[in-house]
Amino acid sequence: MRRNALYYQMTGAKGEFLNDFRRLCCPGQYMKKGMVNIMFCDSAKVFIKSGKGGDGHVSFRRELYVPAGGPDGGDGGRGGDIIFEVEDGLNTLTDFRHVRKYVATSGQEGGKRRCHGADGEDLVIKVPEGTVIKDFETGKVIADMSGENRREVILKGGKGGLGNMHYATSTMQAPKYAQPGQPAQELWVQLELKVIADVGLVGFPNVGKSTLLSRVSNARPKIANYHFTTLNPHLGVVDLGDGAGFVMADIPGLIEGASEGVGLGHDFLRHIERTRVLIHVVDAASTEGRNPIDDIQAINRELEAYNPQLSQKPQVIAANKTDAIYVDEETPDPVEALKAKFEPKGIKVFPISAVSGQGVKELLYYVNELLKTVESTPVIFEREFDLSAINVASNLPYTVEKDEDGIYVVEGPRIEKMLGYTNLESEKGFDFFQKFLKENGILDQLEKAGIQEGDTVRMYGLVFDYYK
């Protein structure tokens, strides 16, 4: 059995029930004994870029006996969009570790005789349900591919430019310029898969969460007596019969400081946000010298620090390893101590043994009833990032400097983009160029740098003389 893998048993009476949870399965990837292997990859950083709009075309009607044909340059095609779409068969972001760059095709340039350039093809990126798309730089949410949000356009392709046939007027009957296509949009995004499960198992490492999950569900996580054995969450379907049941997730072991990013804290905590009920699994026998009451309080502090709403979720305590508890006149019963501490707060305590199965049935049926009282609407993360601000030329930087030869050099992405879609050889294009310099404060920056009439300005190989 492979480490950090989840296996579903697809045979027997559970098959019909599992169909209700087909979003958790990978059809067709069968292993020995009818198992399905599901690996989890929690996050990935990828680059996405939409297609550039095709440029408008400059051409004139040239036919025999038509010596003064008008402009007939066609429009450029629209650039392709970047679209994210939920794919039911996916359960991991592993594919994004191998392909990190996604670029849609650009629109074609317009042609002669009013021919419209072909539109670029949209690029549809398939992701599993529960994927949250964030801006990599700011960490703000762009989209949450959960619930009813199955398909969303993240980056729009550039609009195609108008051909010169649109610019003919009574005074300008032979325009020699066309509109350039709008530039593409590009962005680095962080994809995060936040597990969608009804119940989350939380607790410090090596308290028996994986053992409990393997006993009550069809999940088969690798179990060993090591700290942080589970580095990825495992999901299992708990079947209580008669159509009753729920999805349970083994959230990897937490440590103090997880809310501050210690260890893999944030990676672990993100999966708890979508769960509806939390089961605290504690080592009631203190086999490693840990105090179960202190463990519960420590984890609740981490939940509160990471997201105050997490600590408000309904909780149940599974006092595990009761078969290893030794009680005498001098040693108090740790289960009774847990009940005295937490049951007055409305947190039910169940003594269980994940190894023998003692008390597990009572725990599961109580959790199932508790779920009926909890809001079933999944947690959806609201958009925080404004996509309209992506790659707007006025937001890009530029510099104004004077070199050793006394030439004023103006450079930067803003200038480079502007020159890329401006035809300086046409009257209107040069007017646009002058207006751009004024509206973007470039002329003011040149004045502050001490430029005088007759001085030379260089912009990416183009040289100009400055006059007020």
Protein backbone atom coordinates (compact mmCIF):
# COMPACT_ATOMS: atom_id res chain seq x y z
CA MET A 1 0.00 0.00 0.00
CA ARG A 2 1.33 3.43 -0.95
CA ARG A 3 1.85 6.12 1.63
CA ASN A 4 -0.58 9.04 1.79
CA ALA A 5 -3.06 7.23 -0.42
CA LEU A 6 -6.79 6.73 0.06
CA TYR A 7 -8.52 3.57 -1.08
CA TYR A 8 -12.22 3.00 -1.65
CA GLN A 9 -13.72 -0.50 -1.68
CA MET A 10 -16.16 -0.46 -4.60
CA THR A 11 -17.73 -3.88 -4.09
CA GLY A 12 -20.52 -5.07 -1.80
CA ALA A 13 -23.53 -3.30 -0.35
CA LYS A 14 -21.73 0.02 -0.02
CA GLY A 15 -21.50 0.48 -3.77
CA GLU A 16 -24.91 2.15 -4.12
CA PHE A 17 -24.23 4.47 -1.19
CA LEU A 18 -20.85 5.42 -2.62
CA ASN A 19 -22.50 6.61 -5.82
CA ASP A 20 -23.95 9.47 -3.81
CA PHE A 21 -20.37 10.49 -3.08
CA ARG A 22 -18.96 9.93 -6.58
CA ARG A 23 -17.28 13.33 -6.42
CA LEU A 24 -14.79 11.69 -4.07
CA CYS A 25 -13.83 8.89 -6.43
CA CYS A 26 -11.56 8.53 -9.47
CA PRO A 27 -13.49 6.30 -11.94
CA GLY A 28 -11.42 3.87 -13.89
CA GLN A 29 -8.25 3.98 -11.78
CA TYR A 30 -8.73 0.53 -10.25
CA MET A 31 -6.00 -1.26 -8.39
CA LYS A 32 -5.81 -4.81 -7.09
CA LYS A 33 -8.82 -6.18 -5.23
CA GLY A 34 -11.15 -3.55 -6.68
CA MET A 35 -9.56 -0.63 -4.90
CA VAL A 36 -9.45 2.96 -6.18
CA ASN A 37 -6.34 4.96 -5.34
CA ILE A 38 -6.76 8.66 -4.51
CA MET A 39 -3.73 10.82 -3.83
CA PHE A 40 -4.08 14.33 -2.43
CA CYS A 41 -2.08 17.32 -3.54
CA ASP A 42 -3.24 20.29 -1.51
CA SER A 43 -1.90 23.31 -3.39
CA ALA A 44 -0.11 24.40 -6.55
CA LYS A 45 1.23 27.64 -8.03
CA VAL A 46 0.51 28.12 -11.74
CA PHE A 47 0.82 30.85 -14.36
CA ILE A 48 -2.23 31.66 -16.47
CA LYS A 49 -2.49 33.98 -19.45
CA SER A 50 -5.40 34.76 -21.75
CA GLY A 51 -5.02 35.34 -25.48
CA LYS A 52 -4.16 38.71 -26.99
CA GLY A 53 -6.70 40.32 -29.28
CA GLY A 54 -5.80 40.31 -32.96
CA ASP A 55 -4.80 43.63 -34.51
CA GLY A 56 -7.08 45.43 -36.91
CA HIS A 57 -5.86 45.42 -40.51
CA VAL A 58 -4.92 48.34 -42.75
CA SER A 59 -5.74 47.77 -46.42
CA PHE A 60 -7.55 49.44 -49.30
CA ARG A 61 -9.84 48.15 -51.96
CA ARG A 62 -7.78 47.54 -55.10
CA GLU A 63 -9.80 46.50 -58.12
CA LEU A 64 -9.65 47.15 -61.81
CA TYR A 65 -11.49 50.32 -62.79
CA VAL A 66 -11.71 51.35 -59.09
CA PRO A 67 -8.68 53.64 -58.77
CA ALA A 68 -9.72 55.13 -55.41
CA GLY A 69 -11.15 52.20 -53.47
CA GLY A 70 -11.93 52.86 -49.84
CA PRO A 71 -10.44 51.20 -46.74
CA ASP A 72 -11.37 47.53 -46.34
CA GLY A 73 -9.15 46.36 -43.46
CA GLY A 74 -10.95 43.78 -41.28
CA ASP A 75 -11.16 43.52 -37.50
CA GLY A 76 -8.88 41.34 -35.38
CA GLY A 77 -10.19 38.24 -33.60
CA ARG A 78 -10.89 38.01 -29.88
CA GLY A 79 -8.25 36.39 -27.69
CA GLY A 80 -9.12 33.17 -25.86
CA ASP A 81 -10.34 33.22 -22.23
CA ILE A 82 -8.88 31.29 -19.30
CA ILE A 83 -11.74 29.29 -17.77
CA PHE A 84 -11.71 27.08 -14.68
CA GLU A 85 -14.23 24.25 -14.56
CA VAL A 86 -15.06 21.60 -11.96
CA GLU A 87 -14.45 18.02 -13.08
CA ASP A 88 -16.31 15.43 -11.00
CA GLY A 89 -13.67 12.72 -11.49
CA LEU A 90 -10.81 14.82 -10.07
CA ASN A 91 -9.79 14.72 -6.43
CA THR A 92 -6.26 16.13 -6.49
CA LEU A 93 -4.15 18.99 -7.80
CA THR A 94 -1.30 16.65 -8.70
CA ASP A 95 -1.49 17.46 -12.43
CA PHE A 96 -0.60 21.07 -11.71
CA ARG A 97 2.75 20.00 -10.32
CA HIS A 98 3.76 18.83 -13.77
CA VAL A 99 2.20 21.60 -15.90
CA ARG A 100 2.53 25.06 -14.40
CA LYS A 101 1.89 27.32 -17.41
CA TYR A 102 -1.50 27.71 -19.10
CA VAL A 103 -1.82 30.10 -22.05
CA ALA A 104 -4.89 30.58 -24.27
CA THR A 105 -4.42 31.27 -27.98
CA SER A 106 -4.46 34.81 -29.37
CA GLY A 107 -6.88 36.17 -31.91
CA GLN A 108 -5.74 36.47 -35.51
CA GLU A 109 -5.14 39.76 -37.27
CA GLY A 110 -7.89 41.05 -39.51
CA GLY A 111 -7.47 40.66 -43.25
CA LYS A 112 -8.15 42.36 -46.54
CA ARG A 113 -11.64 42.75 -47.96
CA ARG A 114 -13.16 43.25 -44.51
CA CYS A 115 -12.17 39.73 -43.38
CA HIS A 116 -12.50 39.24 -39.64
CA GLY A 117 -9.60 37.51 -37.90
CA ALA A 118 -10.35 34.15 -36.24
CA ASP A 119 -11.02 34.23 -32.51
CA GLY A 120 -8.54 32.52 -30.21
CA GLU A 121 -9.65 29.29 -28.52
CA ASP A 122 -10.63 29.42 -24.86
CA LEU A 123 -8.49 27.33 -22.50
CA VAL A 124 -10.59 25.32 -20.03
CA ILE A 125 -8.66 24.17 -16.94
CA LYS A 126 -10.24 21.26 -15.05
CA VAL A 127 -10.06 21.30 -11.24
CA PRO A 128 -11.62 19.20 -8.46
CA GLU A 129 -14.58 20.52 -6.51
CA GLY A 130 -13.45 22.52 -3.51
CA THR A 131 -10.56 24.24 -5.30
CA VAL A 132 -10.02 27.84 -4.20
CA ILE A 133 -8.21 30.08 -6.71
CA LYS A 134 -6.18 32.88 -5.12
CA ASP A 135 -3.95 35.67 -6.40
CA PHE A 136 -0.44 34.48 -5.56
CA GLU A 137 0.91 37.92 -4.66
CA THR A 138 -1.86 39.06 -2.30
CA GLY A 139 -3.44 35.77 -1.24
CA LYS A 140 -6.89 37.18 -2.01
CA VAL A 141 -9.62 34.83 -3.22
CA ILE A 142 -10.43 35.05 -6.94
CA ALA A 143 -12.94 32.20 -7.10
CA ASP A 144 -14.13 29.23 -5.09
CA MET A 145 -15.02 26.28 -7.29
CA SER A 146 -17.57 24.81 -4.90
CA GLY A 147 -21.33 24.40 -4.65
CA GLU A 148 -23.11 25.75 -7.71
CA ASN A 149 -20.00 27.49 -9.02
CA ARG A 150 -18.96 24.90 -11.59
CA ARG A 151 -17.45 27.11 -14.28
CA GLU A 152 -15.91 30.57 -14.13
CA VAL A 153 -13.99 32.81 -16.52
CA ILE A 154 -10.91 33.98 -14.64
CA LEU A 155 -9.04 35.93 -17.34
CA LYS A 156 -10.76 37.51 -20.35
CA GLY A 157 -9.05 37.42 -23.71
CA GLY A 158 -8.15 40.72 -25.32
CA LYS A 159 -10.70 42.33 -27.61
CA GLY A 160 -9.80 42.38 -31.29
CA GLY A 161 -8.80 45.73 -32.79
CA LEU A 162 -10.91 47.50 -35.40
CA GLY A 163 -9.72 47.57 -38.99
CA ASN A 164 -9.16 50.82 -40.85
CA MET A 165 -12.55 50.47 -42.56
CA HIS A 166 -14.10 51.84 -39.35
CA TYR A 167 -12.10 55.08 -39.41
CA ALA A 168 -13.12 56.53 -42.74
CA THR A 169 -14.74 59.95 -42.41
CA SER A 170 -15.68 62.75 -44.76
CA THR A 171 -12.36 64.42 -44.06
CA MET A 172 -10.24 61.27 -43.71
CA GLN A 173 -11.31 58.94 -46.51
CA ALA A 174 -8.12 56.86 -46.60
CA PRO A 175 -7.10 56.19 -42.97
CA LYS A 176 -3.72 54.44 -42.78
CA TYR A 177 -4.12 53.21 -39.24
CA ALA A 178 -6.09 50.50 -37.44
CA GLN A 179 -6.74 49.71 -33.81
CA PRO A 180 -4.35 47.24 -32.17
CA GLY A 181 -5.81 44.27 -30.32
CA GLN A 182 -6.13 44.56 -26.55
CA PRO A 183 -3.27 42.94 -24.64
CA ALA A 184 -3.60 39.58 -22.90
CA GLN A 185 -4.15 39.28 -19.16
CA GLU A 186 -1.70 37.26 -17.12
CA LEU A 187 -1.51 36.23 -13.50
CA TRP A 188 0.22 33.88 -11.09
CA VAL A 189 -2.42 32.08 -9.05
CA GLN A 190 -2.35 29.74 -6.06
CA LEU A 191 -4.71 26.78 -6.24
CA GLU A 192 -5.76 25.33 -2.89
CA LEU A 193 -7.89 22.24 -2.49
CA LYS A 194 -9.98 22.57 0.65
CA VAL A 195 -11.48 19.20 1.50
CA ILE A 196 -15.27 19.01 1.47
CA ALA A 197 -16.34 16.65 4.27
CA ASP A 198 -19.13 16.58 6.85
CA VAL A 199 -16.93 15.58 9.78
CA GLY A 200 -13.31 16.38 10.49
CA LEU A 201 -11.10 14.36 12.83
CA VAL A 202 -8.67 16.64 14.66
CA GLY A 203 -6.07 15.88 17.26
CA PHE A 204 -2.37 15.79 17.94
CA PRO A 205 -0.21 13.28 16.04
CA ASN A 206 -0.40 9.62 16.99
CA VAL A 207 -3.68 9.77 18.92
CA GLY A 208 -5.45 7.26 16.65
CA LYS A 209 -7.28 9.34 14.03
CA SER A 210 -6.16 7.21 11.10
CA THR A 211 -7.01 4.04 12.99
CA LEU A 212 -10.50 5.35 13.74
CA LEU A 213 -11.09 6.40 10.13
CA SER A 214 -9.99 3.01 8.80
CA ARG A 215 -12.33 1.23 11.21
CA VAL A 216 -15.48 3.27 10.57
CA SER A 217 -15.15 3.82 6.81
CA ASN A 218 -13.81 2.34 3.63
CA ALA A 219 -10.68 4.48 3.74
CA ARG A 220 -7.36 2.70 4.11
CA PRO A 221 -4.77 5.21 5.27
CA LYS A 222 -1.30 3.97 6.13
CA ILE A 223 -1.03 3.63 9.88
CA ALA A 224 2.19 3.58 11.87
CA ASN A 225 3.43 4.71 15.24
CA TYR A 226 5.14 7.85 13.97
CA HIS A 227 4.46 11.51 14.49
CA PHE A 228 3.00 13.12 11.37
CA THR A 229 2.37 9.76 9.69
CA THR A 230 -0.50 11.42 7.81
CA LEU A 231 0.74 14.34 5.71
CA ASN A 232 -2.34 14.56 3.48
CA PRO A 233 -6.01 14.37 4.51
CA HIS A 234 -7.83 11.10 3.93
CA LEU A 235 -11.55 10.88 3.26
CA GLY A 236 -13.83 7.97 4.03
CA VAL A 237 -17.55 7.33 3.65
CA VAL A 238 -19.20 6.21 6.90
CA ASP A 239 -22.15 3.96 6.03
CA LEU A 240 -24.69 3.58 8.85
CA GLY A 241 -27.20 1.65 6.75
CA ASP A 242 -30.63 2.61 5.37
CA GLY A 243 -29.06 5.45 3.38
CA ALA A 244 -27.66 7.14 6.49
CA GLY A 245 -24.03 8.16 6.63
CA PHE A 246 -21.57 10.96 6.12
CA VAL A 247 -18.13 11.81 4.77
CA MET A 248 -15.34 11.91 7.33
CA ALA A 249 -11.88 13.45 6.86
CA ASP A 250 -8.77 12.63 8.85
CA ILE A 251 -7.16 16.06 9.18
CA PRO A 252 -3.37 15.71 9.60
CA GLY A 253 -2.01 16.11 13.11
CA LEU A 254 -1.75 19.62 14.47
CA ILE A 255 0.88 21.11 16.72
CA GLU A 256 0.94 24.22 18.85
CA GLY A 257 1.78 27.23 16.67
CA ALA A 258 0.01 25.76 13.64
CA SER A 259 -2.11 28.90 13.26
CA GLU A 260 1.13 30.87 12.85
CA GLY A 261 2.33 28.54 10.12
CA VAL A 262 4.59 26.39 12.32
CA GLY A 263 5.29 23.09 10.61
CA LEU A 264 2.57 22.56 8.01
CA GLY A 265 0.01 24.37 10.13
CA HIS A 266 -1.79 26.41 7.48
CA ASP A 267 -1.84 23.47 5.08
CA PHE A 268 -3.58 21.38 7.73
CA LEU A 269 -5.96 24.00 9.06
CA ARG A 270 -7.38 24.95 5.67
CA HIS A 271 -9.14 21.59 5.42
CA ILE A 272 -11.13 22.16 8.61
CA GLU A 273 -12.88 25.23 7.23
CA ARG A 274 -15.41 23.26 5.18
CA THR A 275 -16.30 20.62 7.79
CA ARG A 276 -19.58 20.88 9.72
CA VAL A 277 -18.68 18.92 12.88
CA LEU A 278 -15.30 18.34 14.53
CA ILE A 279 -14.35 15.20 16.45
CA HIS A 280 -11.47 15.73 18.84
CA VAL A 281 -9.56 12.46 19.08
CA VAL A 282 -7.42 12.32 22.22
CA ASP A 283 -5.20 9.70 23.80
CA ALA A 284 -7.18 9.16 26.99
CA ALA A 285 -4.60 6.66 28.27
CA SER A 286 -1.77 9.22 27.93
CA THR A 287 0.45 6.53 26.42
CA GLU A 288 2.96 9.20 25.38
CA GLY A 289 2.64 11.28 28.52
CA ARG A 290 0.26 13.86 27.02
CA ASN A 291 -2.65 15.31 28.99
CA PRO A 292 -5.86 14.89 26.90
CA ILE A 293 -7.52 17.97 28.43
CA ASP A 294 -4.51 20.13 27.63
CA ASP A 295 -4.47 18.73 24.06
CA ILE A 296 -8.08 19.71 23.40
CA GLN A 297 -7.58 23.19 24.79
CA ALA A 298 -4.39 23.66 22.76
CA ILE A 299 -6.08 22.66 19.49
CA ASN A 300 -9.06 24.92 20.20
CA ARG A 301 -6.64 27.80 20.71
CA GLU A 302 -5.07 27.10 17.31
CA LEU A 303 -8.50 26.95 15.66
CA GLU A 304 -9.50 30.24 17.29
CA ALA A 305 -6.26 31.93 16.22
CA TYR A 306 -6.50 30.71 12.60
CA ASN A 307 -10.20 31.44 12.12
CA PRO A 308 -12.52 32.30 15.04
CA GLN A 309 -15.44 30.63 13.25
CA LEU A 310 -13.69 27.26 13.44
CA SER A 311 -13.85 27.18 17.23
CA GLN A 312 -17.63 27.73 17.01
CA LYS A 313 -18.26 24.53 15.06
CA PRO A 314 -20.07 21.72 16.95
CA GLN A 315 -17.54 19.46 18.64
CA VAL A 316 -17.47 15.91 19.99
CA ILE A 317 -14.66 14.29 21.96
CA ALA A 318 -13.52 10.75 21.20
CA ALA A 319 -11.52 9.58 24.22
CA ASN A 320 -9.46 6.93 22.44
CA LYS A 321 -7.27 4.08 23.72
CA THR A 322 -9.57 3.31 26.65
CA ASP A 323 -8.37 -0.30 26.46
CA ALA A 324 -4.98 0.95 27.66
CA ILE A 325 -6.29 2.99 30.62
CA TYR A 326 -5.19 1.87 34.08
CA VAL A 327 -7.28 3.16 36.98
CA ASP A 328 -6.78 2.53 40.70
CA GLU A 329 -7.45 4.32 43.94
CA GLU A 330 -4.58 6.75 43.32
CA THR A 331 -5.10 7.21 39.56
CA PRO A 332 -8.30 9.07 38.58
CA ASP A 333 -10.32 8.00 35.54
CA PRO A 334 -9.25 10.31 32.67
CA VAL A 335 -12.57 9.79 30.84
CA GLU A 336 -14.51 11.07 33.85
CA ALA A 337 -12.14 14.04 34.02
CA LEU A 338 -12.86 14.83 30.38
CA LYS A 339 -16.60 14.60 30.94
CA ALA A 340 -16.44 16.86 34.00
CA LYS A 341 -14.45 19.45 32.02
CA PHE A 342 -16.28 19.54 28.68
CA GLU A 343 -19.79 18.11 28.95
CA PRO A 344 -21.04 21.14 30.97
CA LYS A 345 -20.00 23.16 27.89
CA GLY A 346 -22.20 21.00 25.65
CA ILE A 347 -19.35 18.90 24.23
CA LYS A 348 -20.21 15.22 24.48
CA VAL A 349 -17.42 12.78 25.45
CA PHE A 350 -17.37 9.19 24.13
CA PRO A 351 -14.88 6.62 25.50
CA ILE A 352 -13.75 4.49 22.56
CA SER A 353 -11.09 2.09 21.39
CA ALA A 354 -10.36 2.52 17.69
CA VAL A 355 -8.45 -0.78 17.74
CA SER A 356 -11.18 -2.98 19.25
CA GLY A 357 -14.18 -0.91 18.11
CA GLN A 358 -15.52 -0.43 21.62
CA GLY A 359 -17.82 2.63 21.85
CA VAL A 360 -17.33 3.56 18.18
CA LYS A 361 -20.92 2.77 17.13
CA GLU A 362 -22.38 5.08 19.78
CA LEU A 363 -20.03 7.87 18.66
CA LEU A 364 -21.01 7.56 14.99
CA TYR A 365 -24.77 7.55 15.57
CA TYR A 366 -24.49 10.58 17.86
CA VAL A 367 -22.47 12.47 15.21
CA ASN A 368 -25.00 11.51 12.53
CA GLU A 369 -27.84 12.98 14.62
CA LEU A 370 -25.76 16.07 15.37
CA LEU A 371 -25.21 16.67 11.65
CA LYS A 372 -28.98 16.88 11.16
CA THR A 373 -29.03 19.96 13.39
CA VAL A 374 -26.19 21.73 11.59
CA GLU A 375 -26.58 23.94 8.53
CA SER A 376 -25.84 21.81 5.46
CA THR A 377 -24.97 24.66 3.11
CA PRO A 378 -21.27 24.31 2.24
CA VAL A 379 -18.84 27.06 3.13
CA ILE A 380 -18.15 29.19 0.04
CA PHE A 381 -15.32 31.71 0.10
CA GLU A 382 -16.30 35.10 -1.28
CA ARG A 383 -14.29 36.83 -4.01
CA GLU A 384 -11.75 39.30 -2.66
CA PHE A 385 -9.63 40.05 -5.72
CA ASP A 386 -10.66 42.55 -8.40
CA LEU A 387 -9.94 40.93 -11.76
CA SER A 388 -10.65 44.16 -13.64
CA ALA A 389 -7.36 45.60 -12.35
CA ILE A 390 -5.20 42.93 -13.99
CA ASN A 391 -2.63 44.22 -16.46
CA VAL A 392 -4.15 47.65 -16.92
CA ALA A 393 -1.38 49.64 -18.58
CA SER A 394 -1.81 52.59 -16.23
CA ASN A 395 -1.00 50.30 -13.30
CA LEU A 396 2.35 49.24 -14.71
CA PRO A 397 5.59 50.96 -13.64
CA TYR A 398 7.97 53.11 -15.64
CA THR A 399 11.19 55.06 -14.98
CA VAL A 400 12.52 58.43 -16.15
CA GLU A 401 16.32 58.77 -15.93
CA LYS A 402 19.10 60.87 -17.46
CA ASP A 403 22.11 58.92 -18.78
CA GLU A 404 25.76 59.93 -19.01
CA ASP A 405 25.26 61.44 -22.46
CA GLY A 406 22.51 63.77 -21.25
CA ILE A 407 19.76 61.77 -22.91
CA TYR A 408 16.53 61.24 -20.96
CA VAL A 409 15.61 57.56 -20.98
CA VAL A 410 11.98 56.55 -20.38
CA GLU A 411 11.47 52.81 -19.89
CA GLY A 412 9.28 50.28 -18.12
CA PRO A 413 6.42 47.85 -18.82
CA ARG A 414 3.91 50.69 -19.16
CA ILE A 415 5.93 52.34 -21.93
CA GLU A 416 6.71 49.04 -23.66
CA LYS A 417 3.05 48.01 -23.78
CA MET A 418 1.95 51.41 -25.09
CA LEU A 419 4.54 51.41 -27.89
CA GLY A 420 3.55 47.86 -28.77
CA TYR A 421 0.06 48.86 -29.85
CA THR A 422 0.63 52.45 -31.07
CA ASN A 423 1.33 53.34 -34.70
CA LEU A 424 3.52 56.44 -34.44
CA GLU A 425 3.64 56.82 -38.20
CA SER A 426 -0.02 57.85 -38.36
CA GLU A 427 -1.33 61.24 -37.30
CA LYS A 428 -3.89 59.81 -34.92
CA GLY A 429 -1.39 57.34 -33.52
CA PHE A 430 1.07 60.10 -32.71
CA ASP A 431 -1.71 62.18 -31.12
CA PHE A 432 -2.55 59.18 -28.94
CA PHE A 433 1.14 58.90 -28.01
CA GLN A 434 1.26 62.57 -26.90
CA LYS A 435 -1.93 62.19 -24.90
CA PHE A 436 -0.59 59.05 -23.22
CA LEU A 437 2.58 60.87 -22.09
CA LYS A 438 0.53 63.69 -20.61
CA GLU A 439 -2.20 61.65 -18.89
CA ASN A 440 0.27 59.21 -17.32
CA GLY A 441 2.41 61.97 -15.84
CA ILE A 442 5.46 61.16 -17.95
CA LEU A 443 5.84 64.73 -19.20
CA ASP A 444 5.66 65.97 -15.60
CA GLN A 445 8.38 63.50 -14.60
CA LEU A 446 10.59 64.74 -17.43
CA GLU A 447 10.07 68.32 -16.24
CA LYS A 448 11.05 67.33 -12.69
CA ALA A 449 14.15 65.64 -14.06
CA GLY A 450 15.19 69.00 -15.57
CA ILE A 451 14.50 68.48 -19.25
CA GLN A 452 14.81 71.53 -21.50
CA GLU A 453 13.61 72.32 -25.01
CA GLY A 454 15.70 70.57 -27.62
CA ASP A 455 16.84 67.81 -25.25
CA THR A 456 16.69 64.23 -26.47
CA VAL A 457 14.34 61.54 -25.13
CA ARG A 458 14.83 57.84 -25.87
CA MET A 459 12.14 55.16 -25.47
CA TYR A 460 13.16 51.62 -26.46
CA GLY A 461 15.18 52.60 -29.54
CA LEU A 462 12.91 55.50 -30.54
CA VAL A 463 14.46 58.97 -30.23
CA PHE A 464 12.51 62.23 -29.86
CA ASP A 465 13.31 65.89 -29.41
CA TYR A 466 11.51 67.58 -26.55
CA TYR A 467 9.53 70.82 -27.11
CA LYS A 468 6.99 72.49 -24.87
